[in-house]
PDB file of N, CA and C in Angstrom:
ATOM      1  N   ASP A   1       2.504 -17.366   9.631  1.00  0.00           N
ATOM      2  CA  ASP A   1       2.533 -16.058  10.274  1.00  0.00           C
ATOM      3  C   ASP A   1       3.604 -15.183   9.640  1.00  0.00           C
ATOM      4  N   ARG A   2       3.261 -13.913   9.496  1.00  0.00           N
ATOM      5  CA  ARG A   2       4.220 -12.954   8.939  1.00  0.00           C
ATOM      6  C   ARG A   2       5.090 -12.408  10.066  1.00  0.00           C
ATOM      7  N   THR A   3       6.308 -12.114   9.745  1.00  0.00           N
ATOM      8  CA  THR A   3       7.227 -11.553  10.726  1.00  0.00           C
ATOM      9  C   THR A   3       7.289 -10.043  10.563  1.00  0.00           C
ATOM     10  N   HIS A   4       7.902  -9.381  11.529  1.00  0.00           N
ATOM     11  CA  HIS A   4       8.073  -7.928  11.445  1.00  0.00           C
ATOM     12  C   HIS A   4       8.844  -7.559  10.173  1.00  0.00           C
ATOM     13  N   ALA A   5       9.814  -8.367   9.812  1.00  0.00           N
ATOM     14  CA  ALA A   5      10.597  -8.106   8.596  1.00  0.00           C
ATOM     15  C   ALA A   5       9.702  -8.121   7.359  1.00  0.00           C
ATOM     16  N   ASP A   6       8.697  -8.998   7.329  1.00  0.00           N
ATOM     17  CA  ASP A   6       7.772  -9.036   6.199  1.00  0.00           C
ATOM     18  C   ASP A   6       7.034  -7.705   6.054  1.00  0.00           C
ATOM     19  N   PHE A   7       6.620  -7.125   7.181  1.00  0.00           N
ATOM     20  CA  PHE A   7       5.895  -5.864   7.133  1.00  0.00           C
ATOM     21  C   PHE A   7       6.815  -4.720   6.733  1.00  0.00           C
ATOM     22  N   ARG A   8       8.067  -4.743   7.162  1.00  0.00           N
ATOM     23  CA  ARG A   8       9.009  -3.720   6.717  1.00  0.00           C
ATOM     24  C   ARG A   8       9.193  -3.822   5.214  1.00  0.00           C
ATOM     25  N   ASP A   9       9.228  -5.029   4.688  1.00  0.00           N
ATOM     26  CA  ASP A   9       9.342  -5.211   3.238  1.00  0.00           C
ATOM     27  C   ASP A   9       8.109  -4.650   2.534  1.00  0.00           C
ATOM     28  N   ALA A  10       6.926  -4.855   3.107  1.00  0.00           N
ATOM     29  CA  ALA A  10       5.694  -4.330   2.511  1.00  0.00           C
ATOM     30  C   ALA A  10       5.734  -2.809   2.469  1.00  0.00           C
ATOM     31  N   GLU A  11       6.246  -2.189   3.516  1.00  0.00           N
ATOM     32  CA  GLU A  11       6.350  -0.733   3.534  1.00  0.00           C
ATOM     33  C   GLU A  11       7.334  -0.251   2.469  1.00  0.00           C
ATOM     34  N   ALA A  12       8.440  -0.938   2.322  1.00  0.00           N
ATOM     35  CA  ALA A  12       9.426  -0.567   1.300  1.00  0.00           C
ATOM     36  C   ALA A  12       8.830  -0.740  -0.091  1.00  0.00           C
ATOM     37  N   GLU A  13       8.060  -1.808  -0.298  1.00  0.00           N
ATOM     38  CA  GLU A  13       7.416  -2.032  -1.590  1.00  0.00           C
ATOM     39  C   GLU A  13       6.403  -0.933  -1.885  1.00  0.00           C
ATOM     40  N   ALA A  14       5.669  -0.494  -0.867  1.00  0.00           N
ATOM     41  CA  ALA A  14       4.699   0.589  -1.055  1.00  0.00           C
ATOM     42  C   ALA A  14       5.416   1.869  -1.467  1.00  0.00           C
ATOM     43  N   GLN A  15       6.515   2.177  -0.823  1.00  0.00           N
ATOM     44  CA  GLN A  15       7.275   3.379  -1.165  1.00  0.00           C
ATOM     45  C   GLN A  15       7.826   3.296  -2.589  1.00  0.00           C
ATOM     46  N   GLU A  16       8.294   2.125  -2.985  1.00  0.00           N
ATOM     47  CA  GLU A  16       8.809   1.947  -4.350  1.00  0.00           C
ATOM     48  C   GLU A  16       7.685   2.111  -5.375  1.00  0.00           C
ATOM     49  N   ALA A  17       6.508   1.551  -5.089  1.00  0.00           N
ATOM     50  CA  ALA A  17       5.375   1.698  -6.002  1.00  0.00           C
ATOM     51  C   ALA A  17       4.984   3.165  -6.144  1.00  0.00           C
ATOM     52  N   LEU A  18       4.972   3.890  -5.032  1.00  0.00           N
ATOM     53  CA  LEU A  18       4.643   5.318  -5.088  1.00  0.00           C
ATOM     54  C   LEU A  18       5.679   6.094  -5.886  1.00  0.00           C
ATOM     55  N   ARG A  19       6.928   5.710  -5.754  1.00  0.00           N
ATOM     56  CA  ARG A  19       7.978   6.367  -6.539  1.00  0.00           C
ATOM     57  C   ARG A  19       7.727   6.164  -8.031  1.00  0.00           C
ATOM     58  N   LEU A  20       7.318   4.953  -8.406  1.00  0.00           N
ATOM     59  CA  LEU A  20       7.062   4.654  -9.819  1.00  0.00           C
ATOM     60  C   LEU A  20       5.801   5.354 -10.329  1.00  0.00           C
ATOM     61  N   ILE A  21       4.768   5.375  -9.509  1.00  0.00           N
ATOM     62  CA  ILE A  21       3.509   6.015  -9.898  1.00  0.00           C
ATOM     63  C   ILE A  21       3.663   7.531  -9.911  1.00  0.00           C
ATOM     64  N   ASP A  22       4.359   8.063  -8.919  1.00  0.00           N
ATOM     65  CA  ASP A  22       4.593   9.498  -8.758  1.00  0.00           C
ATOM     66  C   ASP A  22       3.289  10.296  -8.847  1.00  0.00           C
ATOM     67  N   PRO A  23       2.339  10.013  -7.929  1.00  0.00           N
ATOM     68  CA  PRO A  23       1.060  10.719  -7.995  1.00  0.00           C
ATOM     69  C   PRO A  23       1.212  12.189  -7.597  1.00  0.00           C
ATOM     70  N   PRO A  24       0.475  13.074  -8.260  1.00  0.00           N
ATOM     71  CA  PRO A  24       0.516  14.477  -7.845  1.00  0.00           C
ATOM     72  C   PRO A  24      -0.169  14.633  -6.487  1.00  0.00           C
ATOM     73  N   ALA A  25       0.177  15.667  -5.749  1.00  0.00           N
ATOM     74  CA  ALA A  25      -0.390  15.888  -4.417  1.00  0.00           C
ATOM     75  C   ALA A  25      -1.907  16.069  -4.471  1.00  0.00           C
ATOM     76  N   SER A  26      -2.438  16.460  -5.622  1.00  0.00           N
ATOM     77  CA  SER A  26      -3.879  16.659  -5.777  1.00  0.00           C
ATOM     78  C   SER A  26      -4.623  15.377  -6.135  1.00  0.00           C
ATOM     79  N   ALA A  27      -3.930  14.264  -6.246  1.00  0.00           N
ATOM     80  CA  ALA A  27      -4.524  13.013  -6.732  1.00  0.00           C
ATOM     81  C   ALA A  27      -5.436  12.351  -5.705  1.00  0.00           C
ATOM     82  N   THR A  28      -6.436  11.653  -6.238  1.00  0.00           N
ATOM     83  CA  THR A  28      -7.217  10.694  -5.465  1.00  0.00           C
ATOM     84  C   THR A  28      -6.785   9.328  -5.960  1.00  0.00           C
ATOM     85  N   LEU A  29      -6.313   8.496  -5.047  1.00  0.00           N
ATOM     86  CA  LEU A  29      -5.782   7.186  -5.405  1.00  0.00           C
ATOM     87  C   LEU A  29      -6.715   6.108  -4.877  1.00  0.00           C
ATOM     88  N   LEU A  30      -6.997   5.092  -5.692  1.00  0.00           N
ATOM     89  CA  LEU A  30      -7.839   3.962  -5.304  1.00  0.00           C
ATOM     90  C   LEU A  30      -6.973   2.720  -5.215  1.00  0.00           C
ATOM     91  N   ASP A  31      -6.994   2.077  -4.048  1.00  0.00           N
ATOM     92  CA  ASP A  31      -6.254   0.838  -3.833  1.00  0.00           C
ATOM     93  C   ASP A  31      -7.259  -0.305  -3.743  1.00  0.00           C
ATOM     94  N   LEU A  32      -7.399  -1.058  -4.842  1.00  0.00           N
ATOM     95  CA  LEU A  32      -8.305  -2.206  -4.869  1.00  0.00           C
ATOM     96  C   LEU A  32      -7.611  -3.400  -4.227  1.00  0.00           C
ATOM     97  N   GLY A  33      -8.290  -4.041  -3.298  1.00  0.00           N
ATOM     98  CA  GLY A  33      -7.689  -5.149  -2.570  1.00  0.00           C
ATOM     99  C   GLY A  33      -6.683  -4.621  -1.557  1.00  0.00           C
ATOM    100  N   CYS A  34      -7.077  -3.605  -0.815  1.00  0.00           N
ATOM    101  CA  CYS A  34      -6.146  -2.887   0.067  1.00  0.00           C
ATOM    102  C   CYS A  34      -5.703  -3.684   1.286  1.00  0.00           C
ATOM    103  N   GLY A  35      -6.390  -4.770   1.600  1.00  0.00           N
ATOM    104  CA  GLY A  35      -5.985  -5.564   2.764  1.00  0.00           C
ATOM    105  C   GLY A  35      -5.982  -4.736   4.028  1.00  0.00           C
ATOM    106  N   THR A  36      -4.885  -4.768   4.771  1.00  0.00           N
ATOM    107  CA  THR A  36      -4.806  -4.035   6.037  1.00  0.00           C
ATOM    108  C   THR A  36      -4.331  -2.601   5.869  1.00  0.00           C
ATOM    109  N   GLY A  37      -4.208  -2.132   4.647  1.00  0.00           N
ATOM    110  CA  GLY A  37      -3.990  -0.718   4.395  1.00  0.00           C
ATOM    111  C   GLY A  37      -2.561  -0.209   4.381  1.00  0.00           C
ATOM    112  N   CYS A  38      -1.585  -1.075   4.225  1.00  0.00           N
ATOM    113  CA  CYS A  38      -0.190  -0.635   4.208  1.00  0.00           C
ATOM    114  C   CYS A  38       0.053   0.369   3.075  1.00  0.00           C
ATOM    115  N   PHE A  39      -0.391   0.048   1.870  1.00  0.00           N
ATOM    116  CA  PHE A  39      -0.185   0.952   0.742  1.00  0.00           C
ATOM    117  C   PHE A  39      -1.021   2.222   0.903  1.00  0.00           C
ATOM    118  N   VAL A  40      -2.237   2.085   1.429  1.00  0.00           N
ATOM    119  CA  VAL A  40      -3.095   3.247   1.654  1.00  0.00           C
ATOM    120  C   VAL A  40      -2.389   4.245   2.568  1.00  0.00           C
ATOM    121  N   ALA A  41      -1.819   3.747   3.658  1.00  0.00           N
ATOM    122  CA  ALA A  41      -1.134   4.618   4.617  1.00  0.00           C
ATOM    123  C   ALA A  41       0.048   5.328   3.964  1.00  0.00           C
ATOM    124  N   ALA A  42       0.806   4.600   3.190  1.00  0.00           N
ATOM    125  CA  ALA A  42       1.958   5.207   2.510  1.00  0.00           C
ATOM    126  C   ALA A  42       1.495   6.249   1.498  1.00  0.00           C
ATOM    127  N   ALA A  43       0.463   5.936   0.739  1.00  0.00           N
ATOM    128  CA  ALA A  43      -0.034   6.841  -0.296  1.00  0.00           C
ATOM    129  C   ALA A  43      -0.671   8.090   0.297  1.00  0.00           C
ATOM    130  N   ALA A  44      -1.245   7.967   1.490  1.00  0.00           N
ATOM    131  CA  ALA A  44      -1.914   9.108   2.124  1.00  0.00           C
ATOM    132  C   ALA A  44      -0.960  10.264   2.365  1.00  0.00           C
ATOM    133  N   ARG A  45       0.309   9.965   2.469  1.00  0.00           N
ATOM    134  CA  ARG A  45       1.308  11.009   2.688  1.00  0.00           C
ATOM    135  C   ARG A  45       1.670  11.735   1.388  1.00  0.00           C
ATOM    136  N   HIS A  46       1.186  11.220   0.255  1.00  0.00           N
ATOM    137  CA  HIS A  46       1.540  11.779  -1.054  1.00  0.00           C
ATOM    138  C   HIS A  46       0.339  12.305  -1.834  1.00  0.00           C
ATOM    139  N   CYS A  47      -0.869  11.899  -1.459  1.00  0.00           N
ATOM    140  CA  CYS A  47      -2.070  12.212  -2.239  1.00  0.00           C
ATOM    141  C   CYS A  47      -3.073  13.008  -1.403  1.00  0.00           C
ATOM    142  N   ARG A  48      -3.951  13.701  -2.103  1.00  0.00           N
ATOM    143  CA  ARG A  48      -5.025  14.443  -1.441  1.00  0.00           C
ATOM    144  C   ARG A  48      -5.976  13.490  -0.726  1.00  0.00           C
ATOM    145  N   GLU A  49      -6.318  12.385  -1.396  1.00  0.00           N
ATOM    146  CA  GLU A  49      -7.256  11.419  -0.837  1.00  0.00           C
ATOM    147  C   GLU A  49      -6.867  10.018  -1.307  1.00  0.00           C
ATOM    148  N   VAL A  50      -7.062   9.044  -0.422  1.00  0.00           N
ATOM    149  CA  VAL A  50      -6.816   7.650  -0.780  1.00  0.00           C
ATOM    150  C   VAL A  50      -8.024   6.833  -0.334  1.00  0.00           C
ATOM    151  N   ILE A  51      -8.512   6.007  -1.243  1.00  0.00           N
ATOM    152  CA  ILE A  51      -9.640   5.128  -0.968  1.00  0.00           C
ATOM    153  C   ILE A  51      -9.134   3.699  -1.038  1.00  0.00           C
ATOM    154  N   GLY A  52      -9.328   2.952   0.035  1.00  0.00           N
ATOM    155  CA  GLY A  52      -8.977   1.541   0.061  1.00  0.00           C
ATOM    156  C   GLY A  52     -10.243   0.714  -0.040  1.00  0.00           C
ATOM    157  N   ALA A  53     -10.245  -0.288  -0.895  1.00  0.00           N
ATOM    158  CA  ALA A  53     -11.408  -1.157  -1.075  1.00  0.00           C
ATOM    159  C   ALA A  53     -10.977  -2.608  -0.928  1.00  0.00           C
ATOM    160  N   ASP A  54     -11.796  -3.406  -0.263  1.00  0.00           N
ATOM    161  CA  ASP A  54     -11.472  -4.810  -0.071  1.00  0.00           C
ATOM    162  C   ASP A  54     -12.764  -5.601   0.144  1.00  0.00           C
ATOM    163  N   VAL A  55     -12.700  -6.904  -0.081  1.00  0.00           N
ATOM    164  CA  VAL A  55     -13.855  -7.775   0.135  1.00  0.00           C
ATOM    165  C   VAL A  55     -13.937  -8.258   1.577  1.00  0.00           C
ATOM    166  N   SER A  56     -12.859  -8.103   2.328  1.00  0.00           N
ATOM    167  CA  SER A  56     -12.807  -8.610   3.697  1.00  0.00           C
ATOM    168  C   SER A  56     -13.070  -7.511   4.718  1.00  0.00           C
ATOM    169  N   GLU A  57     -14.172  -7.625   5.443  1.00  0.00           N
ATOM    170  CA  GLU A  57     -14.471  -6.661   6.504  1.00  0.00           C
ATOM    171  C   GLU A  57     -13.410  -6.706   7.595  1.00  0.00           C
ATOM    172  N   ALA A  58     -12.859  -7.886   7.870  1.00  0.00           N
ATOM    173  CA  ALA A  58     -11.820  -8.012   8.899  1.00  0.00           C
ATOM    174  C   ALA A  58     -10.562  -7.234   8.494  1.00  0.00           C
ATOM    175  N   MET A  59     -10.175  -7.343   7.240  1.00  0.00           N
ATOM    176  CA  MET A  59      -9.015  -6.590   6.753  1.00  0.00           C
ATOM    177  C   MET A  59      -9.289  -5.090   6.818  1.00  0.00           C
ATOM    178  N   LEU A  60     -10.484  -4.680   6.417  1.00  0.00           N
ATOM    179  CA  LEU A  60     -10.836  -3.268   6.452  1.00  0.00           C
ATOM    180  C   LEU A  60     -10.860  -2.728   7.879  1.00  0.00           C
ATOM    181  N   ALA A  61     -11.324  -3.528   8.817  1.00  0.00           N
ATOM    182  CA  ALA A  61     -11.325  -3.100  10.220  1.00  0.00           C
ATOM    183  C   ALA A  61      -9.902  -2.815  10.686  1.00  0.00           C
ATOM    184  N   GLU A  62      -8.981  -3.681  10.334  1.00  0.00           N
ATOM    185  CA  GLU A  62      -7.574  -3.472  10.696  1.00  0.00           C
ATOM    186  C   GLU A  62      -7.011  -2.255   9.969  1.00  0.00           C
ATOM    187  N   ALA A  63      -7.361  -2.077   8.706  1.00  0.00           N
ATOM    188  CA  ALA A  63      -6.899  -0.911   7.948  1.00  0.00           C
ATOM    189  C   ALA A  63      -7.418   0.377   8.585  1.00  0.00           C
ATOM    190  N   ARG A  64      -8.678   0.381   8.981  1.00  0.00           N
ATOM    191  CA  ARG A  64      -9.247   1.563   9.640  1.00  0.00           C
ATOM    192  C   ARG A  64      -8.545   1.843  10.963  1.00  0.00           C
ATOM    193  N   ARG A  65      -8.267   0.797  11.719  1.00  0.00           N
ATOM    194  CA  ARG A  65      -7.582   0.953  13.003  1.00  0.00           C
ATOM    195  C   ARG A  65      -6.200   1.571  12.799  1.00  0.00           C
ATOM    196  N   LYS A  66      -5.457   1.038  11.815  1.00  0.00           N
ATOM    197  CA  LYS A  66      -4.116   1.552  11.528  1.00  0.00           C
ATOM    198  C   LYS A  66      -4.166   3.014  11.078  1.00  0.00           C
ATOM    199  N   ALA A  67      -5.092   3.340  10.190  1.00  0.00           N
ATOM    200  CA  ALA A  67      -5.205   4.708   9.683  1.00  0.00           C
ATOM    201  C   ALA A  67      -5.541   5.670  10.821  1.00  0.00           C
ATOM    202  N   SER A  68      -6.425   5.257  11.690  1.00  0.00           N
ATOM    203  CA  SER A  68      -6.795   6.085  12.827  1.00  0.00           C
ATOM    204  C   SER A  68      -5.610   6.284  13.767  1.00  0.00           C
ATOM    205  N   ALA A  69      -4.882   5.220  14.038  1.00  0.00           N
ATOM    206  CA  ALA A  69      -3.719   5.296  14.923  1.00  0.00           C
ATOM    207  C   ALA A  69      -2.642   6.223  14.363  1.00  0.00           C
ATOM    208  N   GLN A  70      -2.579   6.313  13.031  1.00  0.00           N
ATOM    209  CA  GLN A  70      -1.592   7.179  12.376  1.00  0.00           C
ATOM    210  C   GLN A  70      -2.122   8.594  12.126  1.00  0.00           C
ATOM    211  N   GLY A  71      -3.377   8.819  12.504  1.00  0.00           N
ATOM    212  CA  GLY A  71      -3.970  10.141  12.324  1.00  0.00           C
ATOM    213  C   GLY A  71      -4.207  10.527  10.880  1.00  0.00           C
ATOM    214  N   LEU A  72      -4.457   9.545  10.028  1.00  0.00           N
ATOM    215  CA  LEU A  72      -4.659   9.804   8.597  1.00  0.00           C
ATOM    216  C   LEU A  72      -6.107  10.211   8.347  1.00  0.00           C
ATOM    217  N   ALA A  73      -6.312  11.489   8.079  1.00  0.00           N
ATOM    218  CA  ALA A  73      -7.662  12.010   7.876  1.00  0.00           C
ATOM    219  C   ALA A  73      -8.097  11.995   6.413  1.00  0.00           C
ATOM    220  N   ASN A  74      -7.188  11.713   5.506  1.00  0.00           N
ATOM    221  CA  ASN A  74      -7.502  11.777   4.072  1.00  0.00           C
ATOM    222  C   ASN A  74      -7.680  10.391   3.452  1.00  0.00           C
ATOM    223  N   VAL A  75      -8.062   9.413   4.268  1.00  0.00           N
ATOM    224  CA  VAL A  75      -8.300   8.059   3.758  1.00  0.00           C
ATOM    225  C   VAL A  75      -9.712   7.617   4.127  1.00  0.00           C
ATOM    226  N   ARG A  76     -10.239   6.750   3.295  1.00  0.00           N
ATOM    227  CA  ARG A  76     -11.501   6.079   3.617  1.00  0.00           C
ATOM    228  C   ARG A  76     -11.454   4.683   3.047  1.00  0.00           C
ATOM    229  N   PHE A  77     -12.280   3.834   3.602  1.00  0.00           N
ATOM    230  CA  PHE A  77     -12.271   2.427   3.213  1.00  0.00           C
ATOM    231  C   PHE A  77     -13.681   1.990   2.852  1.00  0.00           C
ATOM    232  N   GLU A  78     -13.774   1.200   1.797  1.00  0.00           N
ATOM    233  CA  GLU A  78     -15.058   0.726   1.285  1.00  0.00           C
ATOM    234  C   GLU A  78     -15.040  -0.790   1.174  1.00  0.00           C
ATOM    235  N   HIS A  79     -16.111  -1.407   1.603  1.00  0.00           N
ATOM    236  CA  HIS A  79     -16.289  -2.846   1.448  1.00  0.00           C
ATOM    237  C   HIS A  79     -16.939  -3.100   0.093  1.00  0.00           C
ATOM    238  N   CYS A  80     -16.345  -3.946  -0.707  1.00  0.00           N
ATOM    239  CA  CYS A  80     -16.936  -4.247  -2.020  1.00  0.00           C
ATOM    240  C   CYS A  80     -16.560  -5.654  -2.447  1.00  0.00           C
TER     241      CYS A  80
END
């Protein structure tokens, strides 16, 4: 089981990755293997659109729930 500290680390890692990528505000970003959408949520605050893709419907369901709870209108998720 992951602890709350693990998720805080994931959020910090997402922010660091975005700093390195430095996407323009007009960018569409694709997150392959998005899991529960931690990086998608972080990227949504920096990009015009973010697409999360994963093979797990269960992970995508959680990602959709999180995005909805955060009011993120510029994200979508695809099963592939």
